């Protein structure tokens, strides 16, 4: 896995990665419904706060977001 720095992505590319992540089946945000924009903002906060990171898998050619366990 290769960690992708946030500043290596354009604003649109970052939004695309985040939207793809939050739209996946099985993403759980609790019992309350949240808008796509609210979910994206929450993930972007985690990325900017260093609680999550964007990774690229060169074997599969896929990009993902993973939570950093403290």
N, C-alpha and C. Protein backbone atom coordinates (compact mmCIF):
# COMPACT_ATOMS: atom_id res chain seq x y z
N UNK A 1 0.83 -1.18 0.00
CA UNK A 1 0.00 0.00 0.00
C UNK A 1 0.88 1.24 0.00
N UNK A 2 0.45 2.22 -0.77
CA UNK A 2 1.16 3.50 -0.84
C UNK A 2 0.24 4.57 -0.25
N UNK A 3 0.73 5.31 0.72
CA UNK A 3 -0.05 6.39 1.32
C UNK A 3 0.00 7.60 0.38
N UNK A 4 -1.17 8.15 0.08
CA UNK A 4 -1.28 9.31 -0.80
C UNK A 4 -1.47 10.56 0.06
N UNK A 5 -0.53 11.48 0.02
CA UNK A 5 -0.70 12.72 0.79
C UNK A 5 -1.89 13.53 0.26
N UNK A 6 -2.60 14.17 1.16
CA UNK A 6 -3.78 14.95 0.75
C UNK A 6 -3.42 16.03 -0.25
N UNK A 7 -2.27 16.65 -0.08
CA UNK A 7 -1.89 17.74 -0.99
C UNK A 7 -1.49 17.24 -2.38
N UNK A 8 -1.42 15.92 -2.57
CA UNK A 8 -1.12 15.36 -3.89
C UNK A 8 -2.37 15.27 -4.76
N UNK A 9 -3.55 15.48 -4.15
CA UNK A 9 -4.81 15.37 -4.88
C UNK A 9 -5.43 16.75 -5.06
N UNK A 10 -6.07 16.94 -6.20
CA UNK A 10 -6.84 18.16 -6.40
C UNK A 10 -8.08 18.09 -5.51
N UNK A 11 -8.74 19.21 -5.33
CA UNK A 11 -9.97 19.25 -4.53
C UNK A 11 -11.01 18.30 -5.10
N UNK A 12 -11.15 18.28 -6.43
CA UNK A 12 -12.14 17.40 -7.07
C UNK A 12 -11.77 15.93 -6.90
N UNK A 13 -10.48 15.61 -7.03
CA UNK A 13 -10.06 14.22 -6.86
C UNK A 13 -10.29 13.75 -5.43
N UNK A 14 -9.96 14.60 -4.46
CA UNK A 14 -10.19 14.25 -3.06
C UNK A 14 -11.67 14.01 -2.81
N UNK A 15 -12.50 14.89 -3.31
CA UNK A 15 -13.95 14.73 -3.13
C UNK A 15 -14.43 13.42 -3.75
N UNK A 16 -13.90 13.07 -4.92
CA UNK A 16 -14.29 11.82 -5.57
C UNK A 16 -13.92 10.60 -4.76
N UNK A 17 -12.72 10.59 -4.18
CA UNK A 17 -12.28 9.47 -3.35
C UNK A 17 -13.16 9.37 -2.10
N UNK A 18 -13.43 10.51 -1.49
CA UNK A 18 -14.25 10.52 -0.27
C UNK A 18 -15.68 10.09 -0.58
N UNK A 19 -16.27 10.59 -1.67
CA UNK A 19 -17.64 10.20 -2.03
C UNK A 19 -17.72 8.70 -2.30
N UNK A 20 -16.75 8.17 -3.03
CA UNK A 20 -16.75 6.73 -3.32
C UNK A 20 -16.70 5.93 -2.02
N UNK A 21 -15.92 6.40 -1.07
CA UNK A 21 -15.79 5.73 0.21
C UNK A 21 -17.11 5.74 0.97
N UNK A 22 -17.77 6.89 1.08
CA UNK A 22 -18.98 6.97 1.90
C UNK A 22 -20.18 6.33 1.21
N UNK A 23 -20.14 6.17 -0.10
CA UNK A 23 -21.26 5.56 -0.80
C UNK A 23 -21.22 4.03 -0.81
N UNK A 24 -20.14 3.47 -0.33
CA UNK A 24 -20.03 2.00 -0.31
C UNK A 24 -21.08 1.37 0.58
N UNK A 25 -21.51 0.24 0.16
CA UNK A 25 -22.45 -0.56 0.96
C UNK A 25 -21.79 -0.92 2.28
N UNK A 26 -22.51 -0.78 3.37
CA UNK A 26 -22.00 -1.20 4.66
C UNK A 26 -21.32 -0.11 5.47
N UNK A 27 -21.20 1.10 4.92
CA UNK A 27 -20.64 2.19 5.70
C UNK A 27 -21.66 2.59 6.74
N UNK A 28 -21.29 2.54 8.02
CA UNK A 28 -22.25 2.75 9.11
C UNK A 28 -22.00 4.08 9.80
N UNK A 29 -23.05 4.89 9.85
CA UNK A 29 -22.96 6.18 10.53
C UNK A 29 -23.93 6.25 11.70
N UNK A 30 -24.33 5.10 12.23
CA UNK A 30 -25.23 5.07 13.38
C UNK A 30 -26.69 5.05 12.97
N UNK A 31 -27.55 5.37 13.91
CA UNK A 31 -28.99 5.27 13.69
C UNK A 31 -29.56 6.49 12.99
N UNK A 32 -28.86 7.61 13.03
CA UNK A 32 -29.34 8.84 12.40
C UNK A 32 -28.96 8.88 10.93
N UNK A 33 -29.86 9.41 10.11
CA UNK A 33 -29.56 9.60 8.70
C UNK A 33 -28.73 10.86 8.53
N UNK A 34 -27.75 10.82 7.65
CA UNK A 34 -26.92 11.97 7.35
C UNK A 34 -26.85 12.14 5.84
N UNK A 35 -26.76 13.37 5.39
CA UNK A 35 -26.66 13.64 3.96
C UNK A 35 -25.29 13.20 3.45
N UNK A 36 -25.20 13.03 2.14
CA UNK A 36 -23.92 12.69 1.53
C UNK A 36 -22.88 13.76 1.86
N UNK A 37 -23.28 15.02 1.80
CA UNK A 37 -22.35 16.11 2.09
C UNK A 37 -21.85 16.05 3.53
N UNK A 38 -22.74 15.76 4.47
CA UNK A 38 -22.34 15.66 5.88
C UNK A 38 -21.38 14.49 6.09
N UNK A 39 -21.65 13.37 5.44
CA UNK A 39 -20.76 12.21 5.56
C UNK A 39 -19.38 12.53 4.98
N UNK A 40 -19.37 13.20 3.83
CA UNK A 40 -18.10 13.56 3.19
C UNK A 40 -17.31 14.52 4.06
N UNK A 41 -17.98 15.50 4.64
CA UNK A 41 -17.29 16.45 5.53
C UNK A 41 -16.67 15.73 6.72
N UNK A 42 -17.39 14.75 7.28
CA UNK A 42 -16.88 14.00 8.43
C UNK A 42 -15.62 13.22 8.05
N UNK A 43 -15.63 12.58 6.90
CA UNK A 43 -14.45 11.82 6.45
C UNK A 43 -13.30 12.77 6.14
N UNK A 44 -13.60 13.90 5.49
CA UNK A 44 -12.55 14.87 5.19
C UNK A 44 -11.91 15.41 6.47
N UNK A 45 -12.71 15.61 7.51
CA UNK A 45 -12.15 16.05 8.81
C UNK A 45 -11.18 15.00 9.35
N UNK A 46 -11.58 13.73 9.26
CA UNK A 46 -10.71 12.66 9.74
C UNK A 46 -9.40 12.63 8.95
N UNK A 47 -9.48 12.85 7.66
CA UNK A 47 -8.27 12.88 6.84
C UNK A 47 -7.37 14.05 7.23
N UNK A 48 -7.94 15.22 7.38
CA UNK A 48 -7.16 16.40 7.72
C UNK A 48 -6.62 16.35 9.14
N UNK A 49 -7.33 15.66 10.04
CA UNK A 49 -6.89 15.54 11.43
C UNK A 49 -5.87 14.41 11.63
N UNK A 50 -5.61 13.64 10.57
CA UNK A 50 -4.66 12.54 10.68
C UNK A 50 -5.24 11.27 11.29
N UNK A 51 -6.58 11.18 11.38
CA UNK A 51 -7.23 9.98 11.93
C UNK A 51 -7.56 8.97 10.84
N UNK A 52 -7.35 9.36 9.58
CA UNK A 52 -7.56 8.47 8.43
C UNK A 52 -6.56 8.87 7.35
N UNK A 53 -6.35 7.97 6.40
CA UNK A 53 -5.42 8.26 5.32
C UNK A 53 -5.91 7.62 4.02
N UNK A 54 -5.48 8.20 2.92
CA UNK A 54 -5.81 7.65 1.60
C UNK A 54 -4.66 6.75 1.19
N UNK A 55 -5.01 5.56 0.73
CA UNK A 55 -3.99 4.60 0.30
C UNK A 55 -4.30 4.10 -1.10
N UNK A 56 -3.24 3.80 -1.82
CA UNK A 56 -3.34 3.23 -3.16
C UNK A 56 -2.70 1.86 -3.16
N UNK A 57 -3.39 0.87 -3.71
CA UNK A 57 -2.86 -0.48 -3.82
C UNK A 57 -2.41 -0.69 -5.26
N UNK A 58 -1.10 -0.71 -5.51
CA UNK A 58 -0.61 -0.85 -6.88
C UNK A 58 -0.92 -2.21 -7.51
N UNK A 59 -1.16 -3.22 -6.69
CA UNK A 59 -1.48 -4.55 -7.22
C UNK A 59 -2.87 -4.56 -7.85
N UNK A 60 -3.84 -3.96 -7.14
CA UNK A 60 -5.22 -3.96 -7.64
C UNK A 60 -5.57 -2.68 -8.38
N UNK A 61 -4.73 -1.63 -8.23
CA UNK A 61 -5.01 -0.36 -8.87
C UNK A 61 -6.15 0.40 -8.22
N UNK A 62 -6.41 0.11 -6.94
CA UNK A 62 -7.53 0.75 -6.25
C UNK A 62 -7.04 1.73 -5.18
N UNK A 63 -7.89 2.69 -4.92
CA UNK A 63 -7.64 3.69 -3.89
C UNK A 63 -8.67 3.51 -2.81
N UNK A 64 -8.27 3.68 -1.55
CA UNK A 64 -9.18 3.49 -0.43
C UNK A 64 -8.83 4.48 0.68
N UNK A 65 -9.70 4.56 1.65
CA UNK A 65 -9.45 5.35 2.84
C UNK A 65 -9.44 4.36 4.01
N UNK A 66 -8.43 4.48 4.84
CA UNK A 66 -8.39 3.61 6.02
C UNK A 66 -8.21 4.46 7.27
N UNK A 67 -8.84 3.98 8.32
CA UNK A 67 -8.76 4.64 9.62
C UNK A 67 -7.43 4.27 10.26
N UNK A 68 -6.80 5.24 10.87
CA UNK A 68 -5.54 5.00 11.56
C UNK A 68 -5.87 4.68 13.02
N UNK A 69 -5.52 3.50 13.43
CA UNK A 69 -5.78 3.07 14.80
C UNK A 69 -4.66 3.58 15.69
N UNK A 70 -5.04 4.27 16.76
CA UNK A 70 -4.05 4.86 17.65
C UNK A 70 -3.55 3.93 18.62
